[in-house]
Amino acid sequence: MGDVLNELLDILKLEKIEENFFRGKSQDIGFGNLYGGQVLGQALSAASYTVDDSRSAHSLHAYFIKPGDANLPIIYEVDPVRDGKSFTTRRVKAIQKGSAILTLEASFQLSEEGFDHQTEMPAVPGPDGIMSESERLESIKHLIPVNIREKLIRERPIEFRHVNPVNPFAPEKMEPLRYIWFKTIHKMPDDLSIHKYLLAYASDYGLVGTALYPHGHTFWEPELQVASLDHAMWFHRDFRMDDWLLYVMDSPSACSARGLNRGTIFSKGGTLVASTIQEGLIRYHKKNT
């Protein structure tokens, strides 16, 4: 695996400092505050450390309470709420400077057989031939603020390819529907739990911005205050992060300075592997002219 992927996997691997207490490293991906997906992935990792390997995460529900500091480590406190015959429940609090920055509840289940159906993957172009996000940013790097330029155009552990991209510096009004192919840039370990931590990490990417599509704005605008408020996720079927996945996002509503966004994640072969839903804060501080 490449250095940047190893670095990310190392961030998702926590240090146990006491029974049910873990410490995670932070990473600044370009915006000063912690990327919400990092805290999601680490919180799920912390919960998993306290669960028997025979049980796998099937859902998580989280609230982002306050921005995290990308220059400080995060402490994760795990509450072992319940160990049932089939399901295990854990509650996690992510802490910086003595205050919670995120709370998360996760549920784990023994493998079981049952009824099986799924929604169909939409017919969109495959990832081949689509420009990667890194290539798109490289083509407009002269427009990116100097203080974040190098972080945004550097090599990334996950490659994203937008099927219907928006120009962040000249957005047009579009239907609130977004398609993004993604996968890790190198092969991953075979441990499914690691793939789930990393999918939780990636699932926060781009989701809240879908609510801006109908309004012709992007979070790059200084007048906009955009932040994730909560995040829920369900893992349906096994998958690999080193194989192409399609993230289908839509936004059914925006009002009261909030936007609701939904996501379904498919394998390249059309298998539905996970679903997400997230509400984000969207405040437009229009300048007086």
Protein backbone atom coordinates (compact mmCIF):
# COMPACT_ATOMS: atom_id res chain seq x y z
CA MET A 1 0.00 0.00 0.00
CA GLY A 2 1.10 3.56 -0.67
CA ASP A 3 2.22 5.86 2.09
CA VAL A 4 -0.95 8.01 2.10
CA LEU A 5 -3.21 4.95 2.42
CA ASN A 6 -1.03 3.51 5.19
CA GLU A 7 -1.21 6.88 6.94
CA LEU A 8 -5.02 6.86 6.83
CA LEU A 9 -5.30 3.26 8.03
CA ASP A 10 -2.93 4.12 10.87
CA ILE A 11 -5.20 7.02 11.84
CA LEU A 12 -8.18 4.66 12.02
CA LYS A 13 -6.18 2.26 14.21
CA LEU A 14 -6.52 3.57 17.77
CA GLU A 15 -4.34 3.32 20.86
CA LYS A 16 -5.96 1.71 23.90
CA ILE A 17 -5.16 3.86 26.94
CA GLU A 18 -7.54 2.31 29.51
CA GLU A 19 -10.45 -0.12 29.57
CA ASN A 20 -13.00 1.29 27.07
CA PHE A 21 -10.85 4.39 26.43
CA PHE A 22 -8.90 4.92 23.20
CA ARG A 23 -6.80 7.67 21.65
CA GLY A 24 -6.79 8.59 17.96
CA LYS A 25 -4.52 10.78 15.87
CA SER A 26 -5.84 13.74 13.88
CA GLN A 27 -5.25 14.80 10.31
CA ASP A 28 -5.71 18.18 8.62
CA ILE A 29 -7.00 17.56 5.10
CA GLY A 30 -6.97 21.24 4.26
CA PHE A 31 -9.58 23.13 6.26
CA GLY A 32 -8.17 23.38 9.80
CA ASN A 33 -11.13 21.66 11.45
CA LEU A 34 -11.29 17.89 11.63
CA TYR A 35 -12.96 16.14 8.71
CA GLY A 36 -16.17 14.63 10.12
CA GLY A 37 -15.61 11.31 8.36
CA GLN A 38 -12.38 10.84 10.30
CA VAL A 39 -14.21 11.05 13.63
CA LEU A 40 -16.96 8.73 12.34
CA GLY A 41 -14.44 6.12 11.24
CA GLN A 42 -12.43 6.34 14.45
CA ALA A 43 -15.55 6.20 16.65
CA LEU A 44 -16.71 3.05 14.85
CA SER A 45 -13.20 1.65 15.26
CA ALA A 46 -13.29 2.39 19.00
CA ALA A 47 -16.64 0.65 19.37
CA SER A 48 -15.39 -2.37 17.40
CA TYR A 49 -12.42 -2.83 19.73
CA THR A 50 -14.89 -3.71 22.51
CA VAL A 51 -16.99 -6.18 20.46
CA ASP A 52 -16.35 -9.87 19.80
CA ASP A 53 -14.95 -10.55 16.31
CA SER A 54 -17.94 -12.80 15.54
CA ARG A 55 -20.17 -9.70 15.32
CA SER A 56 -19.96 -7.09 12.58
CA ALA A 57 -21.21 -3.50 12.53
CA HIS A 58 -24.53 -3.11 10.72
CA SER A 59 -25.51 0.47 11.66
CA LEU A 60 -24.35 3.69 13.27
CA HIS A 61 -26.08 6.90 14.29
CA ALA A 62 -23.98 9.95 15.15
CA TYR A 63 -24.30 13.62 16.06
CA PHE A 64 -21.57 16.14 15.31
CA ILE A 65 -21.62 18.39 18.38
CA LYS A 66 -18.81 20.87 17.73
CA PRO A 67 -15.90 21.29 15.30
CA GLY A 68 -12.84 19.23 16.08
CA ASP A 69 -9.27 20.55 16.16
CA ALA A 70 -7.10 18.85 13.53
CA ASN A 71 -3.97 19.65 15.57
CA LEU A 72 -5.02 17.65 18.65
CA PRO A 73 -5.61 13.94 19.31
CA ILE A 74 -9.11 12.67 20.12
CA ILE A 75 -10.09 10.54 23.11
CA TYR A 76 -12.85 7.97 22.54
CA GLU A 77 -14.88 6.74 25.51
CA VAL A 78 -16.92 3.59 24.82
CA ASP A 79 -20.00 2.68 26.85
CA PRO A 80 -20.68 -1.09 26.50
CA VAL A 81 -24.46 -0.62 26.54
CA ARG A 82 -25.60 -4.16 25.75
CA ASP A 83 -24.38 -7.60 24.68
CA GLY A 84 -27.41 -9.59 23.54
CA LYS A 85 -27.74 -13.02 21.95
CA SER A 86 -27.60 -11.63 18.40
CA PHE A 87 -26.92 -7.89 18.71
CA THR A 88 -24.35 -5.78 20.54
CA THR A 89 -24.85 -2.07 21.20
CA ARG A 90 -22.11 0.46 21.92
CA ARG A 91 -22.22 4.19 22.66
CA VAL A 92 -19.11 6.27 21.92
CA LYS A 93 -18.15 9.81 22.91
CA ALA A 94 -15.32 11.57 21.06
CA ILE A 95 -13.60 14.13 23.29
CA GLN A 96 -11.22 17.05 22.76
CA LYS A 97 -10.27 19.65 25.37
CA GLY A 98 -12.58 17.96 27.87
CA SER A 99 -15.71 18.37 25.69
CA ALA A 100 -17.59 16.02 23.39
CA ILE A 101 -17.20 16.76 19.69
CA LEU A 102 -19.25 13.74 18.54
CA THR A 103 -21.51 11.07 20.01
CA LEU A 104 -22.16 7.81 18.19
CA GLU A 105 -24.20 4.67 18.78
CA ALA A 106 -23.34 1.56 16.80
CA SER A 107 -24.97 -1.85 16.58
CA PHE A 108 -23.23 -5.12 15.75
CA GLN A 109 -24.85 -8.39 14.69
CA LEU A 110 -24.00 -12.05 14.36
CA SER A 111 -24.21 -13.27 10.75
CA GLU A 112 -27.72 -14.46 9.90
CA GLU A 113 -29.68 -15.60 6.84
CA GLY A 114 -32.96 -13.88 5.87
CA PHE A 115 -35.07 -12.38 3.10
CA ASP A 116 -33.02 -10.53 0.51
CA HIS A 117 -33.96 -7.73 -1.89
CA GLN A 118 -32.46 -4.39 -2.89
CA THR A 119 -33.08 -1.30 -4.99
CA GLU A 120 -31.43 -1.24 -8.39
CA MET A 121 -28.27 0.74 -9.09
CA PRO A 122 -28.97 3.67 -11.44
CA ALA A 123 -27.62 3.51 -14.96
CA VAL A 124 -24.69 5.93 -14.95
CA PRO A 125 -21.32 5.89 -16.73
CA GLY A 126 -18.71 3.68 -15.09
CA PRO A 127 -15.51 5.06 -13.57
CA ASP A 128 -13.30 4.39 -16.59
CA GLY A 129 -12.49 7.56 -18.48
CA ILE A 130 -13.85 9.93 -15.83
CA MET A 131 -11.40 12.53 -14.54
CA SER A 132 -10.43 12.03 -10.91
CA GLU A 133 -11.03 14.76 -8.37
CA SER A 134 -7.27 15.20 -7.99
CA GLU A 135 -6.97 15.84 -11.72
CA ARG A 136 -9.86 18.31 -11.65
CA LEU A 137 -8.32 20.21 -8.75
CA GLU A 138 -4.93 20.22 -10.44
CA SER A 139 -6.53 21.83 -13.52
CA ILE A 140 -7.92 24.71 -11.41
CA LYS A 141 -5.23 24.92 -8.75
CA HIS A 142 -4.49 28.55 -9.64
CA LEU A 143 -7.96 29.39 -8.30
CA ILE A 144 -7.55 27.54 -5.00
CA PRO A 145 -6.48 29.70 -2.02
CA VAL A 146 -2.75 29.37 -1.46
CA ASN A 147 -3.11 28.39 2.21
CA ILE A 148 -4.99 25.16 1.36
CA ARG A 149 -3.79 24.49 -2.19
CA GLU A 150 -1.07 21.95 -1.44
CA LYS A 151 -3.27 19.91 0.92
CA LEU A 152 -6.07 19.71 -1.64
CA ILE A 153 -3.98 18.69 -4.65
CA ARG A 154 -1.67 16.23 -2.89
CA GLU A 155 -2.04 12.48 -3.38
CA ARG A 156 -5.06 11.07 -1.56
CA PRO A 157 -5.66 7.57 -0.16
CA ILE A 158 -9.12 7.37 -1.77
CA GLU A 159 -9.68 8.28 -5.41
CA PHE A 160 -12.99 10.01 -6.19
CA ARG A 161 -14.41 10.37 -9.70
CA HIS A 162 -17.46 12.63 -10.08
CA VAL A 163 -19.93 11.58 -12.77
CA ASN A 164 -21.73 14.96 -12.69
CA PRO A 165 -19.27 17.42 -11.11
CA VAL A 166 -19.95 21.03 -10.20
CA ASN A 167 -17.42 23.75 -10.91
CA PRO A 168 -16.72 24.99 -7.36
CA PHE A 169 -15.88 28.49 -8.63
CA ALA A 170 -18.77 28.83 -11.12
CA PRO A 171 -21.62 26.59 -9.90
CA GLU A 172 -24.85 26.29 -11.86
CA LYS A 173 -28.24 25.24 -10.51
CA MET A 174 -28.69 21.49 -10.88
CA GLU A 175 -31.02 18.73 -9.76
CA PRO A 176 -30.03 17.64 -6.21
CA LEU A 177 -28.63 14.34 -7.44
CA ARG A 178 -24.97 13.39 -7.32
CA TYR A 179 -22.97 10.35 -8.46
CA ILE A 180 -19.40 9.65 -7.32
CA TRP A 181 -17.25 6.57 -7.96
CA PHE A 182 -14.56 5.91 -5.36
CA LYS A 183 -12.03 3.34 -4.14
CA THR A 184 -8.71 3.22 -2.33
CA ILE A 185 -5.65 3.82 -4.47
CA HIS A 186 -4.07 0.51 -3.39
CA LYS A 187 -5.13 -2.94 -2.21
CA MET A 188 -6.53 -3.16 1.33
CA PRO A 189 -6.16 -5.82 4.04
CA ASP A 190 -8.86 -8.54 3.99
CA ASP A 191 -10.32 -7.62 7.41
CA LEU A 192 -13.93 -6.51 6.71
CA SER A 193 -14.04 -4.32 9.82
CA ILE A 194 -11.24 -2.12 8.41
CA HIS A 195 -13.21 -1.70 5.17
CA LYS A 196 -16.23 -0.58 7.26
CA TYR A 197 -14.19 2.00 9.21
CA LEU A 198 -12.92 3.36 5.91
CA LEU A 199 -16.36 3.41 4.30
CA ALA A 200 -17.67 5.36 7.30
CA TYR A 201 -14.76 7.76 6.76
CA ALA A 202 -15.59 8.17 3.06
CA SER A 203 -19.37 8.38 3.55
CA ASP A 204 -19.18 11.94 4.88
CA TYR A 205 -17.48 13.11 1.68
CA GLY A 206 -19.67 15.32 -0.49
CA LEU A 207 -22.96 14.31 1.11
CA VAL A 208 -24.01 17.63 2.67
CA GLY A 209 -23.04 19.56 -0.45
CA THR A 210 -25.74 17.80 -2.47
CA ALA A 211 -28.33 20.09 -0.86
CA LEU A 212 -26.57 23.06 -2.52
CA TYR A 213 -27.01 21.75 -6.08
CA PRO A 214 -30.49 23.31 -6.72
CA HIS A 215 -29.33 26.70 -5.42
CA GLY A 216 -26.20 27.18 -7.53
CA HIS A 217 -23.82 27.45 -4.58
CA THR A 218 -20.87 25.44 -3.24
CA PHE A 219 -19.24 25.26 0.19
CA TRP A 220 -16.16 26.97 -1.28
CA GLU A 221 -17.96 30.33 -1.03
CA PRO A 222 -16.84 32.39 1.99
CA GLU A 223 -20.46 33.52 2.56
CA LEU A 224 -21.56 29.95 3.22
CA GLN A 225 -21.30 28.14 6.55
CA VAL A 226 -21.70 24.41 5.87
CA ALA A 227 -21.26 21.63 8.42
CA SER A 228 -22.54 18.11 9.08
CA LEU A 229 -25.02 17.96 11.96
CA ASP A 230 -25.73 14.24 12.17
CA HIS A 231 -25.00 11.07 10.23
CA ALA A 232 -26.61 7.65 10.06
CA MET A 233 -25.31 4.65 8.17
CA TRP A 234 -26.36 1.06 7.53
CA PHE A 235 -24.06 -1.68 6.25
CA HIS A 236 -26.10 -4.15 4.17
CA ARG A 237 -23.68 -6.49 2.42
CA ASP A 238 -19.95 -7.23 2.33
CA PHE A 239 -17.78 -5.07 0.09
CA ARG A 240 -14.21 -4.00 -0.52
CA MET A 241 -12.94 -0.45 -0.43
CA ASP A 242 -10.26 -1.33 -2.99
CA ASP A 243 -12.95 -2.14 -5.60
CA TRP A 244 -14.96 0.63 -7.27
CA LEU A 245 -18.04 1.76 -5.33
CA LEU A 246 -20.74 4.16 -6.58
CA TYR A 247 -22.08 6.74 -4.12
CA VAL A 248 -25.54 7.91 -5.21
CA MET A 249 -26.66 11.01 -3.28
CA ASP A 250 -29.86 13.03 -3.34
CA SER A 251 -31.34 15.85 -1.27
CA PRO A 252 -35.13 15.76 -0.78
CA SER A 253 -35.32 18.95 1.30
CA ALA A 254 -33.56 22.13 2.41
CA CYS A 255 -35.14 24.59 4.83
CA SER A 256 -34.49 26.42 8.12
CA ALA A 257 -30.74 26.63 7.39
CA ARG A 258 -30.56 22.82 7.13
CA GLY A 259 -30.29 20.42 4.21
CA LEU A 260 -31.24 16.74 4.26
CA ASN A 261 -29.17 14.34 2.17
CA ARG A 262 -29.51 10.62 1.45
CA GLY A 263 -27.02 8.18 0.01
CA THR A 264 -26.90 4.65 -1.36
CA ILE A 265 -23.60 2.91 -2.05
CA PHE A 266 -23.29 0.18 -4.67
CA SER A 267 -20.51 -2.13 -5.79
CA LYS A 268 -19.49 -1.82 -9.44
CA GLY A 269 -21.51 -4.96 -10.10
CA GLY A 270 -24.68 -3.34 -8.76
CA THR A 271 -24.86 -4.80 -5.24
CA LEU A 272 -26.26 -2.38 -2.64
CA VAL A 273 -23.67 -2.43 0.16
CA ALA A 274 -24.61 0.53 2.40
CA SER A 275 -27.01 3.43 2.90
CA THR A 276 -26.55 6.81 4.56
CA ILE A 277 -28.60 9.82 5.60
CA GLN A 278 -27.30 13.12 6.90
CA GLU A 279 -28.60 16.55 7.80
CA GLY A 280 -26.25 19.48 7.39
CA LEU A 281 -26.14 23.08 8.51
CA ILE A 282 -26.33 25.49 5.56
CA ARG A 283 -26.16 29.18 6.47
CA TYR A 284 -25.78 31.81 3.79
CA HIS A 285 -24.31 35.03 5.19
CA LYS A 286 -25.16 37.29 2.26
CA LYS A 287 -22.94 40.35 2.09
CA ASN A 288 -24.60 43.75 2.09
CA THR A 289 -24.09 45.62 -1.16
